[in-house]
Amino acid sequence: MENQYFVHLFSDHINTAYLVNFRLLEMQERVVDSPWIAQKLGMAKYINQPISFCMVWQSLV
């Protein structure tokens, strides 16, 4: 089975939420940093690269 990767740009999330009457309340992002690399040495090649995000939404209806 071939690995499939999907890239969803932040604008995809924002624009879709707007269409269904959601408002972004909060957003947090993380990048690969020293503490991350200390736990997973193989991630060193990704230093300062975005790795995760979390968004909190509120329905407007």
C-alpha atoms as a PDB file:
ATOM      1  CA  MET A   1       0.000   0.000   0.000  1.00  0.00           C
ATOM      2  CA  GLU A   2       1.353   3.382  -0.975  1.00  0.00           C
ATOM      3  CA  ASN A   3       1.491   6.122   1.667  1.00  0.00           C
ATOM      4  CA  GLN A   4      -0.775   9.020   0.895  1.00  0.00           C
ATOM      5  CA  TYR A   5      -0.252  12.457   2.352  1.00  0.00           C
ATOM      6  CA  PHE A   6      -2.734  15.297   2.342  1.00  0.00           C
ATOM      7  CA  VAL A   7      -1.708  18.881   2.854  1.00  0.00           C
ATOM      8  CA  HIS A   8      -4.453  21.145   4.157  1.00  0.00           C
ATOM      9  CA  LEU A   9      -3.413  24.774   4.158  1.00  0.00           C
ATOM     10  CA  PHE A  10      -4.569  26.968   7.019  1.00  0.00           C
ATOM     11  CA  SER A  11      -6.616  28.939   4.523  1.00  0.00           C
ATOM     12  CA  ASP A  12      -8.530  25.725   3.661  1.00  0.00           C
ATOM     13  CA  HIS A  13      -9.596  25.408   7.296  1.00  0.00           C
ATOM     14  CA  ILE A  14     -10.459  29.089   7.670  1.00  0.00           C
ATOM     15  CA  ASN A  15     -12.388  29.381   4.411  1.00  0.00           C
ATOM     16  CA  THR A  16     -14.386  26.203   4.987  1.00  0.00           C
ATOM     17  CA  ALA A  17     -15.259  27.237   8.544  1.00  0.00           C
ATOM     18  CA  TYR A  18     -16.442  30.604   7.264  1.00  0.00           C
ATOM     19  CA  LEU A  19     -18.750  28.877   4.767  1.00  0.00           C
ATOM     20  CA  VAL A  20     -20.451  26.892   7.553  1.00  0.00           C
ATOM     21  CA  ASN A  21     -20.706  29.807  10.007  1.00  0.00           C
ATOM     22  CA  PHE A  22     -17.861  29.005  12.358  1.00  0.00           C
ATOM     23  CA  ARG A  23     -15.564  31.570  13.960  1.00  0.00           C
ATOM     24  CA  LEU A  24     -11.959  30.925  14.951  1.00  0.00           C
ATOM     25  CA  LEU A  25     -11.520  31.615  18.675  1.00  0.00           C
ATOM     26  CA  GLU A  26      -7.981  30.411  19.258  1.00  0.00           C
ATOM     27  CA  MET A  27      -5.081  28.864  17.364  1.00  0.00           C
ATOM     28  CA  GLN A  28      -1.848  27.321  18.628  1.00  0.00           C
ATOM     29  CA  GLU A  29       1.071  26.096  16.518  1.00  0.00           C
ATOM     30  CA  ARG A  30       4.255  24.175  17.283  1.00  0.00           C
ATOM     31  CA  VAL A  31       7.505  23.798  15.442  1.00  0.00           C
ATOM     32  CA  VAL A  32      10.176  21.162  15.889  1.00  0.00           C
ATOM     33  CA  ASP A  33      12.394  22.593  18.636  1.00  0.00           C
ATOM     34  CA  SER A  34      15.170  21.432  20.982  1.00  0.00           C
ATOM     35  CA  PRO A  35      12.882  19.742  23.551  1.00  0.00           C
ATOM     36  CA  TRP A  36      11.146  17.853  20.749  1.00  0.00           C
ATOM     37  CA  ILE A  37      14.474  16.727  19.297  1.00  0.00           C
ATOM     38  CA  ALA A  38      15.693  15.659  22.760  1.00  0.00           C
ATOM     39  CA  GLN A  39      12.868  13.098  22.778  1.00  0.00           C
ATOM     40  CA  LYS A  40      13.035  12.143  19.098  1.00  0.00           C
ATOM     41  CA  LEU A  41      16.558  12.531  17.708  1.00  0.00           C
ATOM     42  CA  GLY A  42      15.462  11.656  14.179  1.00  0.00           C
ATOM     43  CA  MET A  43      13.494  14.914  14.033  1.00  0.00           C
ATOM     44  CA  ALA A  44      16.662  17.049  14.119  1.00  0.00           C
ATOM     45  CA  LYS A  45      16.566  17.455  10.340  1.00  0.00           C
ATOM     46  CA  TYR A  46      13.212  19.226  10.760  1.00  0.00           C
ATOM     47  CA  ILE A  47      14.367  21.857  13.271  1.00  0.00           C
ATOM     48  CA  ASN A  48      12.149  24.977  13.188  1.00  0.00           C
ATOM     49  CA  GLN A  49       9.658  23.345  10.796  1.00  0.00           C
ATOM     50  CA  PRO A  50       5.934  23.445  11.618  1.00  0.00           C
ATOM     51  CA  ILE A  51       4.770  20.139  13.081  1.00  0.00           C
ATOM     52  CA  SER A  52       1.297  20.598  14.543  1.00  0.00           C
ATOM     53  CA  PHE A  53      -1.517  23.013  15.150  1.00  0.00           C
ATOM     54  CA  CYS A  54      -4.765  23.208  17.046  1.00  0.00           C
ATOM     55  CA  MET A  55      -7.759  25.407  16.336  1.00  0.00           C
ATOM     56  CA  VAL A  56     -10.749  26.179  18.556  1.00  0.00           C
ATOM     57  CA  TRP A  57     -13.940  27.071  16.723  1.00  0.00           C
ATOM     58  CA  GLN A  58     -17.307  28.467  17.720  1.00  0.00           C
ATOM     59  CA  SER A  59     -20.496  27.929  15.784  1.00  0.00           C
ATOM     60  CA  LEU A  60     -22.308  31.186  15.007  1.00  0.00           C
ATOM     61  CA  VAL A  61     -25.683  29.503  14.536  1.00  0.00           C
END
